[in-house]
Amino acid sequence: MDKWYENVKDGAIVLTCVSGENTGERAVIYEKNIIWKSSDSSWINLGCEKINDNVTASFEIGNNRIVAEKLTGHNKLVICGCGHVGIAILKLAKMLGFYVLAVDERKEFSKVAKTEGADEAFCREYPEMLREISSDLNTYFVIVTRGHSKDRECLNEILRKPHAYVGMMGSKSRFKAMKKELVDKGIDKEIAENIHAPIGLNIKSETPEEIAVSVIAEIISVKNRGDKGQDAEDIITALKIADKRKVSCVLASIISKEGSAPRKEGTKMVIFSDEKPVGTIGGGYIEEQVIKTANEMLEKSNEKNKLIKLSTASEGDDVGCGGRVEVFLDMMYN
């Protein structure tokens, strides 16, 4: 098996040839440098020159069609404050696949966070713990502590760290004064302007559960916009397990979409012959056909790659208002 995935770092770009004479070849690019390649084909160097900041881009080099996609690590949510609202947010975040770290200065509250499913829960002073937590552009911070002074302590530390989102409880008027204070203390004005306060979408929330829905909805809206790349950690883990078990599998990737197809370009899943798939490309008819095609490849073992075009509608249904996708299926051999 070509172990390209072992070279993927957060923010790396993977180039894959999905059609043409070099179909199936790959290269991994990190900070403009080729850190792994499956061959010495000339398209790889030419492909590096075409990389831009798009999450997923497709271009032609000779008769080869190349897809470039940025791969990232897991989305991580850091919750400061494990009261009723923090715990409600934690539960929803876990349902959505976030890696959740919960922090509270009260031992009994951090224990509840661990019991309710936090991947890590800490009972520490907020500033001390936040200085130790590593973060990147896939890290989301939620500040729902028990008081204004604690919120301020958290914010002072978080705004000096890389992040995708910072949300904080409180009124607009209170935050307006705090924002001015932050800028006066040297925090970049643009960073201060991007703080979400009051936290959450305005859906007239009242209960902790309703507030949690508004917060998670706001985080989703931030996560799914812009150029953040494809969270590939689960997929890469599955490929490593397949290699360790010495079994073949098929990696399926959406490389283009149009219309109302449910998942974006770059979405992946891994199909095995002897256990359930890892990941999803949207379910429904498209996923059913992808799994069927992948199983045929696994049974025959004579097709290494396949590029298929599918509609969101079942055969015979009206597809006028549906969506269409191209899916690249790549047999991962041992």
C-alpha atoms as a PDB file:
ATOM      1  CA  MET A   1       0.000   0.000   0.000  1.00  0.00           C
ATOM      2  CA  ASP A   2       1.279   3.490  -0.860  1.00  0.00           C
ATOM      3  CA  LYS A   3       1.507   5.009   2.606  1.00  0.00           C
ATOM      4  CA  TRP A   4       0.994   8.637   1.559  1.00  0.00           C
ATOM      5  CA  TYR A   5      -1.286   9.185   4.570  1.00  0.00           C
ATOM      6  CA  GLU A   6       1.599   8.652   6.988  1.00  0.00           C
ATOM      7  CA  ASN A   7       3.122  11.874   5.669  1.00  0.00           C
ATOM      8  CA  VAL A   8       0.030  14.030   6.054  1.00  0.00           C
ATOM      9  CA  LYS A   9       0.365  16.913   8.490  1.00  0.00           C
ATOM     10  CA  ASP A  10      -2.281  19.408   9.507  1.00  0.00           C
ATOM     11  CA  GLY A  11      -2.604  21.758   6.553  1.00  0.00           C
ATOM     12  CA  ALA A  12      -0.849  19.470   4.064  1.00  0.00           C
ATOM     13  CA  ILE A  13      -2.128  19.393   0.484  1.00  0.00           C
ATOM     14  CA  VAL A  14      -2.547  16.061  -1.270  1.00  0.00           C
ATOM     15  CA  LEU A  15      -2.376  15.951  -5.067  1.00  0.00           C
ATOM     16  CA  THR A  16      -4.136  12.964  -6.661  1.00  0.00           C
ATOM     17  CA  CYS A  17      -4.281  12.091 -10.349  1.00  0.00           C
ATOM     18  CA  VAL A  18      -7.863  10.897 -10.919  1.00  0.00           C
ATOM     19  CA  SER A  19      -7.782  10.339 -14.683  1.00  0.00           C
ATOM     20  CA  GLY A  20      -5.211  10.046 -17.457  1.00  0.00           C
ATOM     21  CA  GLU A  21      -2.056   8.008 -17.861  1.00  0.00           C
ATOM     22  CA  ASN A  22      -0.939   8.633 -14.280  1.00  0.00           C
ATOM     23  CA  THR A  23      -4.260   7.781 -12.584  1.00  0.00           C
ATOM     24  CA  GLY A  24      -3.841   6.865  -8.921  1.00  0.00           C
ATOM     25  CA  GLU A  25      -0.498   8.587  -8.398  1.00  0.00           C
ATOM     26  CA  ARG A  26      -0.220  10.960  -5.443  1.00  0.00           C
ATOM     27  CA  ALA A  27       2.026  13.549  -3.857  1.00  0.00           C
ATOM     28  CA  VAL A  28       1.905  15.225  -0.462  1.00  0.00           C
ATOM     29  CA  ILE A  29       2.841  18.910  -0.318  1.00  0.00           C
ATOM     30  CA  TYR A  30       3.588  20.790   2.884  1.00  0.00           C
ATOM     31  CA  GLU A  31       4.564  24.456   2.955  1.00  0.00           C
ATOM     32  CA  LYS A  32       5.231  24.397  -0.803  1.00  0.00           C
ATOM     33  CA  ASN A  33       7.597  21.418  -0.525  1.00  0.00           C
ATOM     34  CA  ILE A  34       7.027  17.863  -1.813  1.00  0.00           C
ATOM     35  CA  ILE A  35       7.397  15.659   1.272  1.00  0.00           C
ATOM     36  CA  TRP A  36       6.199  12.420  -0.370  1.00  0.00           C
ATOM     37  CA  LYS A  37       5.422  11.217  -3.908  1.00  0.00           C
ATOM     38  CA  SER A  38       4.401   7.891  -5.392  1.00  0.00           C
ATOM     39  CA  SER A  39       6.429   8.379  -8.579  1.00  0.00           C
ATOM     40  CA  ASP A  40       8.782  10.743 -10.362  1.00  0.00           C
ATOM     41  CA  SER A  41       6.169  11.694 -12.968  1.00  0.00           C
ATOM     42  CA  SER A  42       6.550  15.199 -14.329  1.00  0.00           C
ATOM     43  CA  TRP A  43       2.973  16.176 -13.448  1.00  0.00           C
ATOM     44  CA  ILE A  44       3.887  16.328  -9.752  1.00  0.00           C
ATOM     45  CA  ASN A  45       6.259  19.289 -10.059  1.00  0.00           C
ATOM     46  CA  LEU A  46       3.882  21.001 -12.460  1.00  0.00           C
ATOM     47  CA  GLY A  47       1.005  20.372 -10.063  1.00  0.00           C
ATOM     48  CA  CYS A  48       2.879  22.046  -7.203  1.00  0.00           C
ATOM     49  CA  GLU A  49       3.054  25.232  -9.244  1.00  0.00           C
ATOM     50  CA  LYS A  50      -0.735  25.261  -9.635  1.00  0.00           C
ATOM     51  CA  ILE A  51      -1.598  24.922  -5.945  1.00  0.00           C
ATOM     52  CA  ASN A  52      -3.533  27.827  -4.473  1.00  0.00           C
ATOM     53  CA  ASP A  53      -5.466  28.357  -1.273  1.00  0.00           C
ATOM     54  CA  ASN A  54      -8.634  26.529  -2.382  1.00  0.00           C
ATOM     55  CA  VAL A  55      -9.757  23.637  -0.212  1.00  0.00           C
ATOM     56  CA  THR A  56     -10.330  21.407  -3.212  1.00  0.00           C
ATOM     57  CA  ALA A  57      -9.284  22.344  -6.727  1.00  0.00           C
ATOM     58  CA  SER A  58      -9.189  20.398  -9.979  1.00  0.00           C
ATOM     59  CA  PHE A  59      -6.960  21.147 -12.958  1.00  0.00           C
ATOM     60  CA  GLU A  60      -5.513  19.516 -16.069  1.00  0.00           C
ATOM     61  CA  ILE A  61      -1.865  18.708 -16.778  1.00  0.00           C
ATOM     62  CA  GLY A  62      -1.552  17.120 -20.201  1.00  0.00           C
ATOM     63  CA  ASN A  63      -4.137  14.340 -20.313  1.00  0.00           C
ATOM     64  CA  ASN A  64      -4.091  14.018 -16.511  1.00  0.00           C
ATOM     65  CA  ARG A  65      -6.785  15.437 -14.275  1.00  0.00           C
ATOM     66  CA  ILE A  66      -5.371  16.418 -10.884  1.00  0.00           C
ATOM     67  CA  VAL A  67      -7.264  17.107  -7.674  1.00  0.00           C
ATOM     68  CA  ALA A  68      -5.578  19.152  -4.942  1.00  0.00           C
ATOM     69  CA  GLU A  69      -7.093  19.054  -1.457  1.00  0.00           C
ATOM     70  CA  LYS A  70      -6.067  20.385   1.900  1.00  0.00           C
ATOM     71  CA  LEU A  71      -6.236  17.907   4.793  1.00  0.00           C
ATOM     72  CA  THR A  72      -6.570  18.973   8.398  1.00  0.00           C
ATOM     73  CA  GLY A  73      -6.716  17.487  11.859  1.00  0.00           C
ATOM     74  CA  HIS A  74      -9.815  16.982  13.995  1.00  0.00           C
ATOM     75  CA  ASN A  75     -12.071  19.884  14.904  1.00  0.00           C
ATOM     76  CA  LYS A  76     -11.499  20.581  18.582  1.00  0.00           C
ATOM     77  CA  LEU A  77     -13.838  22.380  20.979  1.00  0.00           C
ATOM     78  CA  VAL A  78     -12.555  23.868  24.226  1.00  0.00           C
ATOM     79  CA  ILE A  79     -15.317  24.650  26.731  1.00  0.00           C
ATOM     80  CA  CYS A  80     -14.448  26.994  29.577  1.00  0.00           C
ATOM     81  CA  GLY A  81     -17.095  26.429  32.221  1.00  0.00           C
ATOM     82  CA  CYS A  82     -18.919  23.159  32.890  1.00  0.00           C
ATOM     83  CA  GLY A  83     -22.225  24.392  34.256  1.00  0.00           C
ATOM     84  CA  HIS A  84     -25.591  23.525  32.726  1.00  0.00           C
ATOM     85  CA  VAL A  85     -24.915  25.422  29.471  1.00  0.00           C
ATOM     86  CA  GLY A  86     -21.377  24.059  29.079  1.00  0.00           C
ATOM     87  CA  ILE A  87     -22.542  20.475  29.566  1.00  0.00           C
ATOM     88  CA  ALA A  88     -25.381  20.906  27.056  1.00  0.00           C
ATOM     89  CA  ILE A  89     -22.902  22.275  24.500  1.00  0.00           C
ATOM     90  CA  LEU A  90     -20.534  19.380  25.235  1.00  0.00           C
ATOM     91  CA  LYS A  91     -23.205  16.776  24.501  1.00  0.00           C
ATOM     92  CA  LEU A  92     -24.135  18.298  21.141  1.00  0.00           C
ATOM     93  CA  ALA A  93     -20.502  18.763  20.155  1.00  0.00           C
ATOM     94  CA  LYS A  94     -19.749  15.087  20.771  1.00  0.00           C
ATOM     95  CA  MET A  95     -22.729  14.106  18.596  1.00  0.00           C
ATOM     96  CA  LEU A  96     -21.123  16.147  15.801  1.00  0.00           C
ATOM     97  CA  GLY A  97     -17.714  14.496  16.147  1.00  0.00           C
ATOM     98  CA  PHE A  98     -15.756  17.270  17.880  1.00  0.00           C
ATOM     99  CA  TYR A  99     -12.869  16.398  20.159  1.00  0.00           C
ATOM    100  CA  VAL A 100     -13.962  18.161  23.354  1.00  0.00           C
ATOM    101  CA  LEU A 101     -11.771  19.539  26.138  1.00  0.00           C
ATOM    102  CA  ALA A 102     -13.659  20.885  29.163  1.00  0.00           C
ATOM    103  CA  VAL A 103     -12.149  23.150  31.816  1.00  0.00           C
ATOM    104  CA  ASP A 104     -13.629  24.248  35.125  1.00  0.00           C
ATOM    105  CA  GLU A 105     -12.032  25.466  38.334  1.00  0.00           C
ATOM    106  CA  ARG A 106     -14.569  23.497  40.380  1.00  0.00           C
ATOM    107  CA  LYS A 107     -13.707  19.828  40.823  1.00  0.00           C
ATOM    108  CA  GLU A 108     -17.281  18.567  40.940  1.00  0.00           C
ATOM    109  CA  PHE A 109     -18.120  20.339  37.669  1.00  0.00           C
ATOM    110  CA  SER A 110     -15.103  19.003  35.767  1.00  0.00           C
ATOM    111  CA  LYS A 111     -16.057  15.508  36.985  1.00  0.00           C
ATOM    112  CA  VAL A 112     -19.523  15.915  35.490  1.00  0.00           C
ATOM    113  CA  ALA A 113     -17.957  16.971  32.172  1.00  0.00           C
ATOM    114  CA  LYS A 114     -15.906  13.784  32.070  1.00  0.00           C
ATOM    115  CA  THR A 115     -18.936  11.682  32.932  1.00  0.00           C
ATOM    116  CA  GLU A 116     -20.966  13.368  30.184  1.00  0.00           C
ATOM    117  CA  GLY A 117     -18.437  12.487  27.490  1.00  0.00           C
ATOM    118  CA  ALA A 118     -15.643  15.073  27.388  1.00  0.00           C
ATOM    119  CA  ASP A 119     -12.519  13.598  25.799  1.00  0.00           C
ATOM    120  CA  GLU A 120     -10.464  15.493  28.366  1.00  0.00           C
ATOM    121  CA  ALA A 121     -11.675  17.322  31.470  1.00  0.00           C
ATOM    122  CA  PHE A 122      -9.509  19.492  33.709  1.00  0.00           C
ATOM    123  CA  CYS A 123      -9.948  21.088  37.105  1.00  0.00           C
ATOM    124  CA  ARG A 124      -7.446  23.932  36.895  1.00  0.00           C
ATOM    125  CA  GLU A 125      -7.317  27.720  37.015  1.00  0.00           C
ATOM    126  CA  TYR A 126      -8.527  28.910  33.614  1.00  0.00           C
ATOM    127  CA  PRO A 127      -5.482  31.021  32.579  1.00  0.00           C
ATOM    128  CA  GLU A 128      -3.025  28.315  33.639  1.00  0.00           C
ATOM    129  CA  MET A 129      -4.869  25.565  31.736  1.00  0.00           C
ATOM    130  CA  LEU A 130      -5.484  27.623  28.618  1.00  0.00           C
ATOM    131  CA  ARG A 131      -1.797  28.444  28.334  1.00  0.00           C
ATOM    132  CA  GLU A 132      -1.080  24.704  28.199  1.00  0.00           C
ATOM    133  CA  ILE A 133      -3.788  23.733  25.689  1.00  0.00           C
ATOM    134  CA  SER A 134      -2.463  23.559  22.139  1.00  0.00           C
ATOM    135  CA  SER A 135      -4.681  25.078  19.458  1.00  0.00           C
ATOM    136  CA  ASP A 136      -4.796  25.660  15.717  1.00  0.00           C
ATOM    137  CA  LEU A 137      -7.188  26.988  13.079  1.00  0.00           C
ATOM    138  CA  ASN A 138      -9.493  24.010  13.740  1.00  0.00           C
ATOM    139  CA  THR A 139      -9.930  24.890  17.428  1.00  0.00           C
ATOM    140  CA  TYR A 140     -13.172  26.435  18.702  1.00  0.00           C
ATOM    141  CA  PHE A 141     -13.365  28.138  22.111  1.00  0.00           C
ATOM    142  CA  VAL A 142     -16.574  28.568  24.113  1.00  0.00           C
ATOM    143  CA  ILE A 143     -16.502  30.724  27.255  1.00  0.00           C
ATOM    144  CA  VAL A 144     -19.422  29.990  29.574  1.00  0.00           C
ATOM    145  CA  THR A 145     -17.896  30.401  33.035  1.00  0.00           C
ATOM    146  CA  ARG A 146     -19.719  31.382  36.217  1.00  0.00           C
ATOM    147  CA  GLY A 147     -18.783  35.069  36.124  1.00  0.00           C
ATOM    148  CA  HIS A 148     -17.642  38.124  34.187  1.00  0.00           C
ATOM    149  CA  SER A 149     -14.162  38.209  35.715  1.00  0.00           C
ATOM    150  CA  LYS A 150     -13.556  34.560  34.789  1.00  0.00           C
ATOM    151  CA  ASP A 151     -14.756  35.217  31.229  1.00  0.00           C
ATOM    152  CA  ARG A 152     -12.223  38.031  30.977  1.00  0.00           C
ATOM    153  CA  GLU A 153      -9.398  35.797  32.217  1.00  0.00           C
ATOM    154  CA  CYS A 154     -10.231  33.177  29.599  1.00  0.00           C
ATOM    155  CA  LEU A 155     -10.529  35.701  26.796  1.00  0.00           C
ATOM    156  CA  ASN A 156      -7.152  37.279  27.572  1.00  0.00           C
ATOM    157  CA  GLU A 157      -5.450  33.902  27.091  1.00  0.00           C
ATOM    158  CA  ILE A 158      -7.509  32.589  24.165  1.00  0.00           C
ATOM    159  CA  LEU A 159      -7.071  35.628  21.927  1.00  0.00           C
ATOM    160  CA  ARG A 160      -3.310  35.100  21.942  1.00  0.00           C
ATOM    161  CA  LYS A 161      -3.740  31.590  20.564  1.00  0.00           C
ATOM    162  CA  PRO A 162      -4.629  30.382  17.040  1.00  0.00           C
ATOM    163  CA  HIS A 163      -8.348  29.636  16.762  1.00  0.00           C
ATOM    164  CA  ALA A 164     -11.285  29.268  14.397  1.00  0.00           C
ATOM    165  CA  TYR A 165     -13.930  30.639  16.739  1.00  0.00           C
ATOM    166  CA  VAL A 166     -14.300  32.334  20.093  1.00  0.00           C
ATOM    167  CA  GLY A 167     -17.736  32.737  21.660  1.00  0.00           C
ATOM    168  CA  MET A 168     -18.620  34.275  25.007  1.00  0.00           C
ATOM    169  CA  MET A 169     -21.750  34.740  27.099  1.00  0.00           C
ATOM    170  CA  GLY A 170     -22.850  38.260  27.982  1.00  0.00           C
ATOM    171  CA  SER A 171     -24.628  41.337  26.664  1.00  0.00           C
ATOM    172  CA  LYS A 172     -23.618  43.460  23.677  1.00  0.00           C
ATOM    173  CA  SER A 173     -23.072  46.520  25.857  1.00  0.00           C
ATOM    174  CA  ARG A 174     -20.796  44.685  28.282  1.00  0.00           C
ATOM    175  CA  PHE A 175     -18.783  43.186  25.461  1.00  0.00           C
ATOM    176  CA  LYS A 176     -18.417  46.550  23.684  1.00  0.00           C
ATOM    177  CA  ALA A 177     -16.541  47.928  26.688  1.00  0.00           C
ATOM    178  CA  MET A 178     -14.471  44.749  26.996  1.00  0.00           C
ATOM    179  CA  LYS A 179     -13.513  44.856  23.304  1.00  0.00           C
ATOM    180  CA  LYS A 180     -12.130  48.393  23.670  1.00  0.00           C
ATOM    181  CA  GLU A 181     -10.143  47.283  26.684  1.00  0.00           C
ATOM    182  CA  LEU A 182      -8.703  44.311  24.766  1.00  0.00           C
ATOM    183  CA  VAL A 183      -7.585  46.514  21.861  1.00  0.00           C
ATOM    184  CA  ASP A 184      -6.033  48.994  24.308  1.00  0.00           C
ATOM    185  CA  LYS A 185      -4.059  46.078  25.781  1.00  0.00           C
ATOM    186  CA  GLY A 186      -2.619  45.175  22.368  1.00  0.00           C
ATOM    187  CA  ILE A 187      -5.064  42.603  20.965  1.00  0.00           C
ATOM    188  CA  ASP A 188      -5.422  43.016  17.200  1.00  0.00           C
ATOM    189  CA  LYS A 189      -8.644  44.899  16.425  1.00  0.00           C
ATOM    190  CA  GLU A 190      -9.714  42.390  13.763  1.00  0.00           C
ATOM    191  CA  ILE A 191      -9.314  39.496  16.206  1.00  0.00           C
ATOM    192  CA  ALA A 192     -11.399  41.350  18.787  1.00  0.00           C
ATOM    193  CA  GLU A 193     -14.084  42.124  16.200  1.00  0.00           C
ATOM    194  CA  ASN A 194     -14.428  38.419  15.374  1.00  0.00           C
ATOM    195  CA  ILE A 195     -15.406  37.402  18.903  1.00  0.00           C
ATOM    196  CA  HIS A 196     -18.954  36.058  18.971  1.00  0.00           C
ATOM    197  CA  ALA A 197     -20.633  37.867  21.849  1.00  0.00           C
ATOM    198  CA  PRO A 198     -23.337  37.341  22.842  1.00  0.00           C
ATOM    199  CA  ILE A 199     -22.560  33.756  21.926  1.00  0.00           C
ATOM    200  CA  GLY A 200     -24.816  31.761  19.606  1.00  0.00           C
ATOM    201  CA  LEU A 201     -27.327  32.533  16.879  1.00  0.00           C
ATOM    202  CA  ASN A 202     -30.242  34.730  17.867  1.00  0.00           C
ATOM    203  CA  ILE A 203     -33.047  32.172  18.134  1.00  0.00           C
ATOM    204  CA  LYS A 204     -34.524  33.549  21.380  1.00  0.00           C
ATOM    205  CA  SER A 205     -32.918  30.768  23.429  1.00  0.00           C
ATOM    206  CA  GLU A 206     -33.928  30.423  27.067  1.00  0.00           C
ATOM    207  CA  THR A 207     -33.002  26.999  28.467  1.00  0.00           C
ATOM    208  CA  PRO A 208     -29.424  25.626  28.609  1.00  0.00           C
ATOM    209  CA  GLU A 209     -30.353  23.145  25.877  1.00  0.00           C
ATOM    210  CA  GLU A 210     -31.723  25.886  23.616  1.00  0.00           C
ATOM    211  CA  ILE A 211     -28.625  28.009  24.193  1.00  0.00           C
ATOM    212  CA  ALA A 212     -26.470  24.989  23.309  1.00  0.00           C
ATOM    213  CA  VAL A 213     -28.342  24.557  20.023  1.00  0.00           C
ATOM    214  CA  SER A 214     -27.749  28.226  19.149  1.00  0.00           C
ATOM    215  CA  VAL A 215     -24.040  27.967  20.014  1.00  0.00           C
ATOM    216  CA  ILE A 216     -23.430  24.780  18.069  1.00  0.00           C
ATOM    217  CA  ALA A 217     -25.364  26.168  15.091  1.00  0.00           C
ATOM    218  CA  GLU A 218     -23.113  29.230  15.108  1.00  0.00           C
ATOM    219  CA  ILE A 219     -19.986  27.071  15.327  1.00  0.00           C
ATOM    220  CA  ILE A 220     -21.212  24.946  12.405  1.00  0.00           C
ATOM    221  CA  SER A 221     -21.786  28.081  10.328  1.00  0.00           C
ATOM    222  CA  VAL A 222     -18.178  29.154  10.993  1.00  0.00           C
ATOM    223  CA  LYS A 223     -16.764  25.663  10.453  1.00  0.00           C
ATOM    224  CA  ASN A 224     -18.460  25.168   7.101  1.00  0.00           C
ATOM    225  CA  ARG A 225     -17.508  28.445   5.504  1.00  0.00           C
ATOM    226  CA  GLY A 226     -14.185  29.547   4.088  1.00  0.00           C
ATOM    227  CA  ASP A 227     -11.059  27.555   3.359  1.00  0.00           C
ATOM    228  CA  LYS A 228     -10.625  25.160   6.268  1.00  0.00           C
ATOM    229  CA  GLY A 229      -9.878  21.947   4.435  1.00  0.00           C
ATOM    230  CA  GLN A 230     -11.118  18.385   4.910  1.00  0.00           C
ATOM    231  CA  ASP A 231     -10.969  16.825   8.370  1.00  0.00           C
ATOM    232  CA  ALA A 232      -9.227  13.567   7.461  1.00  0.00           C
ATOM    233  CA  GLU A 233      -8.077  12.245  10.819  1.00  0.00           C
ATOM    234  CA  ASP A 234     -10.609   9.405  11.066  1.00  0.00           C
ATOM    235  CA  ILE A 235     -10.003   8.411   7.452  1.00  0.00           C
ATOM    236  CA  ILE A 236      -6.227   8.361   7.868  1.00  0.00           C
ATOM    237  CA  THR A 237      -6.586   6.303  11.067  1.00  0.00           C
ATOM    238  CA  ALA A 238      -8.740   3.785   9.174  1.00  0.00           C
ATOM    239  CA  LEU A 239      -6.129   3.467   6.416  1.00  0.00           C
ATOM    240  CA  LYS A 240      -3.401   2.866   8.983  1.00  0.00           C
ATOM    241  CA  ILE A 241      -5.512   0.165  10.650  1.00  0.00           C
ATOM    242  CA  ALA A 242      -6.113  -1.484   7.260  1.00  0.00           C
ATOM    243  CA  ASP A 243      -2.385  -1.520   6.627  1.00  0.00           C
ATOM    244  CA  LYS A 244      -1.713  -2.998  10.076  1.00  0.00           C
ATOM    245  CA  ARG A 245      -4.343  -5.698   9.544  1.00  0.00           C
ATOM    246  CA  LYS A 246      -3.002  -6.390   6.035  1.00  0.00           C
ATOM    247  CA  VAL A 247      -6.406  -6.008   4.373  1.00  0.00           C
ATOM    248  CA  SER A 248      -7.391  -4.132   1.238  1.00  0.00           C
ATOM    249  CA  CYS A 249      -9.884  -1.302   1.281  1.00  0.00           C
ATOM    250  CA  VAL A 250     -11.213   1.354  -1.065  1.00  0.00           C
ATOM    251  CA  LEU A 251     -10.835   5.076  -0.409  1.00  0.00           C
ATOM    252  CA  ALA A 252     -13.766   7.003  -1.938  1.00  0.00           C
ATOM    253  CA  SER A 253     -13.484  10.789  -2.348  1.00  0.00           C
ATOM    254  CA  ILE A 254     -15.930  13.334  -3.739  1.00  0.00           C
ATOM    255  CA  ILE A 255     -13.879  15.352  -6.221  1.00  0.00           C
ATOM    256  CA  SER A 256     -16.651  17.519  -7.682  1.00  0.00           C
ATOM    257  CA  LYS A 257     -20.292  18.323  -6.981  1.00  0.00           C
ATOM    258  CA  GLU A 258     -23.090  20.370  -8.452  1.00  0.00           C
ATOM    259  CA  GLY A 259     -26.607  21.123  -7.341  1.00  0.00           C
ATOM    260  CA  SER A 260     -27.926  19.933  -4.000  1.00  0.00           C
ATOM    261  CA  ALA A 261     -25.547  17.044  -3.334  1.00  0.00           C
ATOM    262  CA  PRO A 262     -25.287  16.833   0.487  1.00  0.00           C
ATOM    263  CA  ARG A 263     -21.507  16.764   1.024  1.00  0.00           C
ATOM    264  CA  LYS A 264     -18.738  19.002  -0.247  1.00  0.00           C
ATOM    265  CA  GLU A 265     -15.708  18.242  -2.412  1.00  0.00           C
ATOM    266  CA  GLY A 266     -13.005  16.402  -0.521  1.00  0.00           C
ATOM    267  CA  THR A 267     -15.428  14.386   1.641  1.00  0.00           C
ATOM    268  CA  LYS A 268     -14.134  10.841   2.077  1.00  0.00           C
ATOM    269  CA  MET A 269     -15.017   7.388   3.292  1.00  0.00           C
ATOM    270  CA  VAL A 270     -13.150   4.083   3.524  1.00  0.00           C
ATOM    271  CA  ILE A 271     -14.933   0.866   2.470  1.00  0.00           C
ATOM    272  CA  PHE A 272     -13.799  -2.526   3.755  1.00  0.00           C
ATOM    273  CA  SER A 273     -15.006  -5.950   2.637  1.00  0.00           C
ATOM    274  CA  ASP A 274     -15.398  -7.315   6.160  1.00  0.00           C
ATOM    275  CA  GLU A 275     -16.617  -4.430   8.327  1.00  0.00           C
ATOM    276  CA  LYS A 276     -18.657  -1.246   8.178  1.00  0.00           C
ATOM    277  CA  PRO A 277     -17.265   1.790   6.312  1.00  0.00           C
ATOM    278  CA  VAL A 278     -15.502   4.643   8.049  1.00  0.00           C
ATOM    279  CA  GLY A 279     -16.928   8.068   7.261  1.00  0.00           C
ATOM    280  CA  THR A 280     -19.795   8.998   4.960  1.00  0.00           C
ATOM    281  CA  ILE A 281     -20.171  10.857   1.691  1.00  0.00           C
ATOM    282  CA  GLY A 282     -23.767  11.781   2.386  1.00  0.00           C
ATOM    283  CA  GLY A 283     -25.814   8.599   2.588  1.00  0.00           C
ATOM    284  CA  GLY A 284     -28.718   7.803   0.306  1.00  0.00           C
ATOM    285  CA  TYR A 285     -28.477   6.533  -3.247  1.00  0.00           C
ATOM    286  CA  ILE A 286     -25.015   7.990  -3.923  1.00  0.00           C
ATOM    287  CA  GLU A 287     -23.417   6.286  -0.951  1.00  0.00           C
ATOM    288  CA  GLU A 288     -25.226   3.037  -1.735  1.00  0.00           C
ATOM    289  CA  GLN A 289     -23.774   3.026  -5.258  1.00  0.00           C
ATOM    290  CA  VAL A 290     -20.285   3.963  -4.066  1.00  0.00           C
ATOM    291  CA  ILE A 291     -20.259   1.091  -1.552  1.00  0.00           C
ATOM    292  CA  LYS A 292     -21.568  -1.305  -4.211  1.00  0.00           C
ATOM    293  CA  THR A 293     -18.835  -0.246  -6.664  1.00  0.00           C
ATOM    294  CA  ALA A 294     -16.157  -0.444  -3.975  1.00  0.00           C
ATOM    295  CA  ASN A 295     -17.227  -3.969  -3.007  1.00  0.00           C
ATOM    296  CA  GLU A 296     -17.058  -5.024  -6.662  1.00  0.00           C
ATOM    297  CA  MET A 297     -13.501  -3.667  -6.812  1.00  0.00           C
ATOM    298  CA  LEU A 298     -12.585  -5.519  -3.618  1.00  0.00           C
ATOM    299  CA  GLU A 299     -14.073  -8.797  -4.919  1.00  0.00           C
ATOM    300  CA  LYS A 300     -12.461  -8.666  -8.343  1.00  0.00           C
ATOM    301  CA  SER A 301      -9.161  -7.116  -7.203  1.00  0.00           C
ATOM    302  CA  ASN A 302      -8.314  -6.223 -10.795  1.00  0.00           C
ATOM    303  CA  GLU A 303      -9.423  -2.584 -10.771  1.00  0.00           C
ATOM    304  CA  LYS A 304      -7.102  -0.258  -8.921  1.00  0.00           C
ATOM    305  CA  ASN A 305      -8.962   3.015  -9.557  1.00  0.00           C
ATOM    306  CA  LYS A 306     -12.348   4.141 -10.781  1.00  0.00           C
ATOM    307  CA  LEU A 307     -13.942   7.530 -11.420  1.00  0.00           C
ATOM    308  CA  ILE A 308     -17.750   7.448 -11.335  1.00  0.00           C
ATOM    309  CA  LYS A 309     -20.479  10.052 -11.788  1.00  0.00           C
ATOM    310  CA  LEU A 310     -23.649   9.768  -9.719  1.00  0.00           C
ATOM    311  CA  SER A 311     -26.897  11.623  -9.095  1.00  0.00           C
ATOM    312  CA  THR A 312     -28.580  12.069  -5.722  1.00  0.00           C
ATOM    313  CA  ALA A 313     -31.764  10.547  -7.191  1.00  0.00           C
ATOM    314  CA  SER A 314     -32.353   6.824  -7.626  1.00  0.00           C
ATOM    315  CA  GLU A 315     -32.528   5.465 -11.148  1.00  0.00           C
ATOM    316  CA  GLY A 316     -35.817   6.523 -12.781  1.00  0.00           C
ATOM    317  CA  ASP A 317     -36.457   9.388 -10.347  1.00  0.00           C
ATOM    318  CA  ASP A 318     -36.622  12.997 -11.434  1.00  0.00           C
ATOM    319  CA  VAL A 319     -33.150  14.521 -11.011  1.00  0.00           C
ATOM    320  CA  GLY A 320     -34.070  18.010 -12.129  1.00  0.00           C
ATOM    321  CA  CYS A 321     -33.766  19.432  -8.618  1.00  0.00           C
ATOM    322  CA  GLY A 322     -31.130  16.991  -7.381  1.00  0.00           C
ATOM    323  CA  GLY A 323     -27.364  17.085  -7.266  1.00  0.00           C
ATOM    324  CA  ARG A 324     -24.548  15.255  -8.998  1.00  0.00           C
ATOM    325  CA  VAL A 325     -21.129  14.222  -7.821  1.00  0.00           C
ATOM    326  CA  GLU A 326     -17.950  12.690  -9.194  1.00  0.00           C
ATOM    327  CA  VAL A 327     -16.408  10.129  -6.863  1.00  0.00           C
ATOM    328  CA  PHE A 328     -12.891   8.751  -7.188  1.00  0.00           C
ATOM    329  CA  LEU A 329     -12.465   5.233  -5.817  1.00  0.00           C
ATOM    330  CA  ASP A 330      -8.928   4.141  -5.096  1.00  0.00           C
ATOM    331  CA  MET A 331      -8.020   0.589  -4.071  1.00  0.00           C
ATOM    332  CA  MET A 332      -5.560   0.712  -1.198  1.00  0.00           C
ATOM    333  CA  TYR A 333      -3.409  -2.388  -1.636  1.00  0.00           C
ATOM    334  CA  ASN A 334      -1.142  -4.011   0.921  1.00  0.00           C
END
